[in-house]
């Protein structure tokens, strides 16, 4: 994972009213846990957004009042109307201790099945994993170049040295399926129906035109 630095300030007072005051100053209340102590702090909203909205996971070097801690972003909360980040949880990365987090899944390569007209479906966009901090990637890349129509890649098929995927082995990560043909539109169906009805109408007309047999 890539390293980024985030500068924070200790926040001794906690509570809803105190958190609102922090947000009014364009700061985001945060908490760091997983180490020797739980630490409450705040960071600049703009700086945090660069990490929160990145598709990749990062090691975050928290510089809190001059004290540096290695951590990963574990969870975040958004304001339901504005979608602004209103709180973030960081998990301290401790040497010799496994870290767990959600990693984004990225398909790489061009599938053979897609070239034949199929569609690539990414069923699982994130996977829960755990491993030593130095072993965790920023994103899980899945090579789909050899996938043909009807092929699937399951969790059990993933090869991530030093990383354990905490999902069910049978879970489907990505598939390639044939695209169903769109239903015929009324405009397209009308000429076809008329063409099919023409021979039948002509045959019926010929039968009506035949003279009646003479009476004996």
C-alpha atoms as a PDB file:
ATOM      1  CA  UNK A   1       0.000   0.000   0.000  1.00  0.00           C
ATOM      2  CA  UNK A   2       1.059   3.576  -0.613  1.00  0.00           C
ATOM      3  CA  UNK A   3       1.988   5.840   2.282  1.00  0.00           C
ATOM      4  CA  UNK A   4       0.296   9.184   2.858  1.00  0.00           C
ATOM      5  CA  UNK A   5       0.716  11.660   5.682  1.00  0.00           C
ATOM      6  CA  UNK A   6      -2.176  13.180   7.584  1.00  0.00           C
ATOM      7  CA  UNK A   7      -1.704  15.914  10.155  1.00  0.00           C
ATOM      8  CA  UNK A   8      -4.079  15.938  13.113  1.00  0.00           C
ATOM      9  CA  UNK A   9      -4.709  17.634  16.424  1.00  0.00           C
ATOM     10  CA  UNK A  10      -5.599  15.932  19.691  1.00  0.00           C
ATOM     11  CA  UNK A  11      -9.198  16.373  20.708  1.00  0.00           C
ATOM     12  CA  UNK A  12      -9.550  15.982  24.495  1.00  0.00           C
ATOM     13  CA  UNK A  13     -13.255  16.824  24.582  1.00  0.00           C
ATOM     14  CA  UNK A  14     -15.661  14.339  23.011  1.00  0.00           C
ATOM     15  CA  UNK A  15     -19.404  14.399  22.553  1.00  0.00           C
ATOM     16  CA  UNK A  16     -21.998  15.480  20.002  1.00  0.00           C
ATOM     17  CA  UNK A  17     -21.808  19.211  20.694  1.00  0.00           C
ATOM     18  CA  UNK A  18     -18.000  19.202  20.679  1.00  0.00           C
ATOM     19  CA  UNK A  19     -17.955  17.234  17.419  1.00  0.00           C
ATOM     20  CA  UNK A  20     -20.273  19.774  15.779  1.00  0.00           C
ATOM     21  CA  UNK A  21     -17.945  22.575  16.832  1.00  0.00           C
ATOM     22  CA  UNK A  22     -15.038  20.727  15.235  1.00  0.00           C
ATOM     23  CA  UNK A  23     -16.942  20.298  11.949  1.00  0.00           C
ATOM     24  CA  UNK A  24     -17.824  23.988  11.829  1.00  0.00           C
ATOM     25  CA  UNK A  25     -14.094  24.654  11.598  1.00  0.00           C
ATOM     26  CA  UNK A  26     -13.783  22.390   8.521  1.00  0.00           C
ATOM     27  CA  UNK A  27     -12.265  19.644  10.637  1.00  0.00           C
ATOM     28  CA  UNK A  28     -13.397  16.006  10.946  1.00  0.00           C
ATOM     29  CA  UNK A  29     -13.527  14.203  14.316  1.00  0.00           C
ATOM     30  CA  UNK A  30     -11.496  10.968  14.235  1.00  0.00           C
ATOM     31  CA  UNK A  31     -10.486   8.155  16.542  1.00  0.00           C
ATOM     32  CA  UNK A  32      -7.412   5.910  16.498  1.00  0.00           C
ATOM     33  CA  UNK A  33      -7.620   2.496  18.143  1.00  0.00           C
ATOM     34  CA  UNK A  34      -5.900  -0.893  18.030  1.00  0.00           C
ATOM     35  CA  UNK A  35      -2.727   0.218  19.789  1.00  0.00           C
ATOM     36  CA  UNK A  36      -1.882   0.865  23.431  1.00  0.00           C
ATOM     37  CA  UNK A  37      -4.521   3.557  23.804  1.00  0.00           C
ATOM     38  CA  UNK A  38      -7.546   5.057  22.085  1.00  0.00           C
ATOM     39  CA  UNK A  39      -6.762   8.502  20.750  1.00  0.00           C
ATOM     40  CA  UNK A  40      -9.341  11.125  19.742  1.00  0.00           C
ATOM     41  CA  UNK A  41      -8.195  13.739  17.264  1.00  0.00           C
ATOM     42  CA  UNK A  42      -9.339  15.862  14.330  1.00  0.00           C
ATOM     43  CA  UNK A  43      -7.964  16.385  10.824  1.00  0.00           C
ATOM     44  CA  UNK A  44      -8.576  18.873   8.033  1.00  0.00           C
ATOM     45  CA  UNK A  45     -11.631  17.877   5.988  1.00  0.00           C
ATOM     46  CA  UNK A  46      -9.972  18.534   2.629  1.00  0.00           C
ATOM     47  CA  UNK A  47      -6.924  16.403   3.453  1.00  0.00           C
ATOM     48  CA  UNK A  48      -9.059  13.512   4.703  1.00  0.00           C
ATOM     49  CA  UNK A  49     -11.236  13.554   1.575  1.00  0.00           C
ATOM     50  CA  UNK A  50      -8.230  12.645  -0.571  1.00  0.00           C
ATOM     51  CA  UNK A  51      -7.913   9.395   1.369  1.00  0.00           C
ATOM     52  CA  UNK A  52     -11.587   8.626   1.856  1.00  0.00           C
ATOM     53  CA  UNK A  53     -12.501   9.002  -1.821  1.00  0.00           C
ATOM     54  CA  UNK A  54      -9.497   7.122  -3.179  1.00  0.00           C
ATOM     55  CA  UNK A  55     -10.272   3.671  -4.670  1.00  0.00           C
ATOM     56  CA  UNK A  56      -7.091   2.290  -3.104  1.00  0.00           C
ATOM     57  CA  UNK A  57      -6.261   1.631   0.537  1.00  0.00           C
ATOM     58  CA  UNK A  58      -3.324   3.542   2.024  1.00  0.00           C
ATOM     59  CA  UNK A  59      -1.011   3.380   4.956  1.00  0.00           C
ATOM     60  CA  UNK A  60      -1.621   6.619   6.774  1.00  0.00           C
ATOM     61  CA  UNK A  61       1.177   8.188   8.758  1.00  0.00           C
ATOM     62  CA  UNK A  62      -0.756  10.143  11.340  1.00  0.00           C
ATOM     63  CA  UNK A  63       1.151  13.110  12.676  1.00  0.00           C
ATOM     64  CA  UNK A  64      -0.873  14.093  15.730  1.00  0.00           C
ATOM     65  CA  UNK A  65       0.682  17.043  17.506  1.00  0.00           C
ATOM     66  CA  UNK A  66       4.119  15.830  16.436  1.00  0.00           C
ATOM     67  CA  UNK A  67       3.518  12.202  17.494  1.00  0.00           C
ATOM     68  CA  UNK A  68       3.572   9.820  14.526  1.00  0.00           C
ATOM     69  CA  UNK A  69       1.495   6.641  14.249  1.00  0.00           C
ATOM     70  CA  UNK A  70       1.068   4.220  11.339  1.00  0.00           C
ATOM     71  CA  UNK A  71      -2.581   3.403  10.654  1.00  0.00           C
ATOM     72  CA  UNK A  72      -5.166   2.391   8.052  1.00  0.00           C
ATOM     73  CA  UNK A  73      -8.561   3.948   7.492  1.00  0.00           C
ATOM     74  CA  UNK A  74     -11.010   1.440   8.942  1.00  0.00           C
ATOM     75  CA  UNK A  75     -14.407   3.138   8.734  1.00  0.00           C
ATOM     76  CA  UNK A  76     -16.034   6.464   7.889  1.00  0.00           C
ATOM     77  CA  UNK A  77     -19.417   8.105   8.291  1.00  0.00           C
ATOM     78  CA  UNK A  78     -21.084  10.467   5.830  1.00  0.00           C
ATOM     79  CA  UNK A  79     -23.670  13.196   6.223  1.00  0.00           C
ATOM     80  CA  UNK A  80     -26.760  11.713   4.496  1.00  0.00           C
ATOM     81  CA  UNK A  81     -27.721  14.898   2.646  1.00  0.00           C
ATOM     82  CA  UNK A  82     -24.398  16.510   1.680  1.00  0.00           C
ATOM     83  CA  UNK A  83     -22.334  13.267   1.623  1.00  0.00           C
ATOM     84  CA  UNK A  84     -19.599  15.060   3.576  1.00  0.00           C
ATOM     85  CA  UNK A  85     -17.358  12.971   5.845  1.00  0.00           C
ATOM     86  CA  UNK A  86     -18.411  13.572   9.448  1.00  0.00           C
ATOM     87  CA  UNK A  87     -16.317  10.944  11.277  1.00  0.00           C
ATOM     88  CA  UNK A  88     -13.453   8.552  10.581  1.00  0.00           C
ATOM     89  CA  UNK A  89     -12.011   5.557  12.429  1.00  0.00           C
ATOM     90  CA  UNK A  90      -8.358   4.592  12.053  1.00  0.00           C
ATOM     91  CA  UNK A  91      -6.827   1.271  13.047  1.00  0.00           C
ATOM     92  CA  UNK A  92      -3.248   1.508  14.265  1.00  0.00           C
ATOM     93  CA  UNK A  93      -0.867  -0.753  12.335  1.00  0.00           C
ATOM     94  CA  UNK A  94       1.183  -2.543  14.972  1.00  0.00           C
ATOM     95  CA  UNK A  95       4.349  -4.387  13.912  1.00  0.00           C
ATOM     96  CA  UNK A  96       3.893  -8.162  14.138  1.00  0.00           C
ATOM     97  CA  UNK A  97       0.094  -7.886  14.355  1.00  0.00           C
ATOM     98  CA  UNK A  98      -2.310  -8.646  11.507  1.00  0.00           C
ATOM     99  CA  UNK A  99      -4.516  -5.865  10.203  1.00  0.00           C
ATOM    100  CA  UNK A 100      -7.955  -6.393   8.673  1.00  0.00           C
ATOM    101  CA  UNK A 101      -9.654  -4.043   6.208  1.00  0.00           C
ATOM    102  CA  UNK A 102     -11.807  -3.867   3.082  1.00  0.00           C
ATOM    103  CA  UNK A 103      -9.917  -3.713  -0.207  1.00  0.00           C
ATOM    104  CA  UNK A 104     -11.370  -2.682  -3.563  1.00  0.00           C
ATOM    105  CA  UNK A 105     -11.391  -5.248  -6.396  1.00  0.00           C
ATOM    106  CA  UNK A 106     -10.089  -4.209  -9.824  1.00  0.00           C
ATOM    107  CA  UNK A 107     -10.393  -6.336 -12.983  1.00  0.00           C
ATOM    108  CA  UNK A 108      -7.321  -6.233 -15.249  1.00  0.00           C
ATOM    109  CA  UNK A 109      -6.903  -7.400 -18.834  1.00  0.00           C
ATOM    110  CA  UNK A 110      -9.464  -7.897 -21.595  1.00  0.00           C
ATOM    111  CA  UNK A 111     -11.588 -11.009 -21.289  1.00  0.00           C
ATOM    112  CA  UNK A 112     -11.782 -13.402 -24.246  1.00  0.00           C
ATOM    113  CA  UNK A 113     -15.494 -13.793 -23.491  1.00  0.00           C
ATOM    114  CA  UNK A 114     -16.043 -10.037 -23.693  1.00  0.00           C
ATOM    115  CA  UNK A 115     -14.414  -9.986 -27.146  1.00  0.00           C
ATOM    116  CA  UNK A 116     -17.016 -12.570 -28.190  1.00  0.00           C
ATOM    117  CA  UNK A 117     -19.863 -10.298 -27.109  1.00  0.00           C
ATOM    118  CA  UNK A 118     -20.137 -11.215 -23.423  1.00  0.00           C
ATOM    119  CA  UNK A 119     -20.373  -8.905 -20.442  1.00  0.00           C
ATOM    120  CA  UNK A 120     -17.984  -8.785 -17.489  1.00  0.00           C
ATOM    121  CA  UNK A 121     -19.815  -8.641 -14.151  1.00  0.00           C
ATOM    122  CA  UNK A 122     -17.873  -7.608 -11.040  1.00  0.00           C
ATOM    123  CA  UNK A 123     -20.039  -9.236  -8.367  1.00  0.00           C
ATOM    124  CA  UNK A 124     -17.861  -8.245  -5.399  1.00  0.00           C
ATOM    125  CA  UNK A 125     -16.387  -4.756  -5.547  1.00  0.00           C
ATOM    126  CA  UNK A 126     -14.720  -5.046  -2.124  1.00  0.00           C
ATOM    127  CA  UNK A 127     -13.279  -7.936  -0.155  1.00  0.00           C
ATOM    128  CA  UNK A 128     -12.553  -8.183   3.557  1.00  0.00           C
ATOM    129  CA  UNK A 129      -8.956  -9.322   4.076  1.00  0.00           C
ATOM    130  CA  UNK A 130      -6.370  -9.602   6.816  1.00  0.00           C
ATOM    131  CA  UNK A 131      -2.612  -9.848   6.897  1.00  0.00           C
ATOM    132  CA  UNK A 132       0.563  -8.256   8.113  1.00  0.00           C
ATOM    133  CA  UNK A 133       0.621  -4.546   7.265  1.00  0.00           C
ATOM    134  CA  UNK A 134       3.604  -4.904   4.936  1.00  0.00           C
ATOM    135  CA  UNK A 135       1.833  -7.669   2.945  1.00  0.00           C
ATOM    136  CA  UNK A 136      -1.460  -5.882   2.284  1.00  0.00           C
ATOM    137  CA  UNK A 137      -1.897  -4.432  -1.235  1.00  0.00           C
ATOM    138  CA  UNK A 138      -3.681  -1.165  -1.959  1.00  0.00           C
ATOM    139  CA  UNK A 139      -6.179  -2.934  -4.216  1.00  0.00           C
ATOM    140  CA  UNK A 140      -6.939  -6.538  -5.221  1.00  0.00           C
ATOM    141  CA  UNK A 141      -6.246  -6.990  -8.939  1.00  0.00           C
ATOM    142  CA  UNK A 142      -8.025  -9.873 -10.689  1.00  0.00           C
ATOM    143  CA  UNK A 143      -6.684 -10.899 -14.102  1.00  0.00           C
ATOM    144  CA  UNK A 144      -9.661 -11.670 -16.373  1.00  0.00           C
ATOM    145  CA  UNK A 145      -7.770 -12.046 -19.679  1.00  0.00           C
ATOM    146  CA  UNK A 146      -8.326 -15.828 -19.833  1.00  0.00           C
ATOM    147  CA  UNK A 147     -12.013 -15.722 -18.886  1.00  0.00           C
ATOM    148  CA  UNK A 148     -14.331 -17.051 -21.608  1.00  0.00           C
ATOM    149  CA  UNK A 149     -18.131 -16.987 -21.837  1.00  0.00           C
ATOM    150  CA  UNK A 150     -19.639 -18.654 -18.776  1.00  0.00           C
ATOM    151  CA  UNK A 151     -16.424 -18.509 -16.734  1.00  0.00           C
ATOM    152  CA  UNK A 152     -16.352 -17.354 -13.098  1.00  0.00           C
ATOM    153  CA  UNK A 153     -13.634 -16.505 -10.601  1.00  0.00           C
ATOM    154  CA  UNK A 154     -14.375 -17.422  -6.980  1.00  0.00           C
ATOM    155  CA  UNK A 155     -12.742 -16.248  -3.777  1.00  0.00           C
ATOM    156  CA  UNK A 156     -10.964 -19.611  -3.589  1.00  0.00           C
ATOM    157  CA  UNK A 157      -9.284 -18.861  -6.945  1.00  0.00           C
ATOM    158  CA  UNK A 158      -7.547 -15.710  -5.722  1.00  0.00           C
ATOM    159  CA  UNK A 159      -3.807 -15.935  -5.066  1.00  0.00           C
ATOM    160  CA  UNK A 160      -2.711 -13.294  -2.563  1.00  0.00           C
ATOM    161  CA  UNK A 161       0.580 -14.239  -0.859  1.00  0.00           C
ATOM    162  CA  UNK A 162       0.525 -13.403   2.834  1.00  0.00           C
ATOM    163  CA  UNK A 163      -3.088 -12.226   2.700  1.00  0.00           C
ATOM    164  CA  UNK A 164      -6.185 -14.082   3.906  1.00  0.00           C
ATOM    165  CA  UNK A 165      -9.514 -13.277   2.259  1.00  0.00           C
ATOM    166  CA  UNK A 166     -12.241 -13.370   4.925  1.00  0.00           C
ATOM    167  CA  UNK A 167     -15.129 -14.087   2.535  1.00  0.00           C
ATOM    168  CA  UNK A 168     -16.682 -17.469   1.698  1.00  0.00           C
ATOM    169  CA  UNK A 169     -14.441 -19.477  -0.680  1.00  0.00           C
ATOM    170  CA  UNK A 170     -17.490 -20.195  -2.874  1.00  0.00           C
ATOM    171  CA  UNK A 171     -18.403 -16.500  -3.297  1.00  0.00           C
ATOM    172  CA  UNK A 172     -18.252 -15.398  -6.945  1.00  0.00           C
ATOM    173  CA  UNK A 173     -15.999 -12.385  -7.496  1.00  0.00           C
ATOM    174  CA  UNK A 174     -16.338 -11.899 -11.269  1.00  0.00           C
ATOM    175  CA  UNK A 175     -18.205 -13.617 -14.130  1.00  0.00           C
ATOM    176  CA  UNK A 176     -18.470 -13.339 -17.910  1.00  0.00           C
ATOM    177  CA  UNK A 177     -21.959 -13.896 -19.301  1.00  0.00           C
ATOM    178  CA  UNK A 178     -23.522 -13.645 -22.739  1.00  0.00           C
ATOM    179  CA  UNK A 179     -25.572 -10.498 -23.190  1.00  0.00           C
ATOM    180  CA  UNK A 180     -29.262 -11.285 -23.754  1.00  0.00           C
ATOM    181  CA  UNK A 181     -30.698  -9.925 -27.006  1.00  0.00           C
ATOM    182  CA  UNK A 182     -33.073  -7.027 -26.508  1.00  0.00           C
ATOM    183  CA  UNK A 183     -36.745  -7.758 -27.054  1.00  0.00           C
ATOM    184  CA  UNK A 184     -38.036  -6.918 -30.537  1.00  0.00           C
ATOM    185  CA  UNK A 185     -39.592  -3.457 -30.639  1.00  0.00           C
ATOM    186  CA  UNK A 186     -43.160  -2.985 -32.003  1.00  0.00           C
ATOM    187  CA  UNK A 187     -41.778  -0.985 -34.942  1.00  0.00           C
ATOM    188  CA  UNK A 188     -39.509  -3.891 -35.892  1.00  0.00           C
ATOM    189  CA  UNK A 189     -42.165  -6.515 -35.241  1.00  0.00           C
ATOM    190  CA  UNK A 190     -44.870  -4.931 -37.495  1.00  0.00           C
ATOM    191  CA  UNK A 191     -43.114  -5.423 -40.890  1.00  0.00           C
ATOM    192  CA  UNK A 192     -42.184  -8.977 -39.940  1.00  0.00           C
ATOM    193  CA  UNK A 193     -45.760  -9.791 -38.974  1.00  0.00           C
ATOM    194  CA  UNK A 194     -47.112  -8.256 -42.193  1.00  0.00           C
ATOM    195  CA  UNK A 195     -44.656 -10.243 -44.299  1.00  0.00           C
ATOM    196  CA  UNK A 196     -45.637 -13.455 -42.540  1.00  0.00           C
ATOM    197  CA  UNK A 197     -49.369 -12.765 -43.021  1.00  0.00           C
ATOM    198  CA  UNK A 198     -49.134 -11.953 -46.758  1.00  0.00           C
ATOM    199  CA  UNK A 199     -48.769 -15.544 -48.065  1.00  0.00           C
ATOM    200  CA  UNK A 200     -51.675 -16.711 -45.906  1.00  0.00           C
ATOM    201  CA  UNK A 201     -53.916 -13.905 -47.165  1.00  0.00           C
ATOM    202  CA  UNK A 202     -53.026 -14.675 -50.784  1.00  0.00           C
ATOM    203  CA  UNK A 203     -53.836 -18.356 -50.326  1.00  0.00           C
ATOM    204  CA  UNK A 204     -57.225 -17.511 -48.795  1.00  0.00           C
ATOM    205  CA  UNK A 205     -58.054 -15.256 -51.760  1.00  0.00           C
ATOM    206  CA  UNK A 206     -57.231 -17.993 -54.242  1.00  0.00           C
ATOM    207  CA  UNK A 207     -59.604 -20.399 -52.501  1.00  0.00           C
ATOM    208  CA  UNK A 208     -62.470 -17.860 -52.691  1.00  0.00           C
ATOM    209  CA  UNK A 209     -61.911 -17.365 -56.419  1.00  0.00           C
ATOM    210  CA  UNK A 210     -62.345 -21.098 -57.294  1.00  0.00           C
ATOM    211  CA  UNK A 211     -65.721 -21.773 -59.152  1.00  0.00           C
ATOM    212  CA  UNK A 212     -68.315 -23.918 -57.450  1.00  0.00           C
ATOM    213  CA  UNK A 213     -68.647 -27.475 -58.816  1.00  0.00           C
ATOM    214  CA  UNK A 214     -71.595 -27.973 -61.278  1.00  0.00           C
ATOM    215  CA  UNK A 215     -74.688 -29.724 -59.970  1.00  0.00           C
ATOM    216  CA  UNK A 216     -75.521 -33.135 -61.450  1.00  0.00           C
END
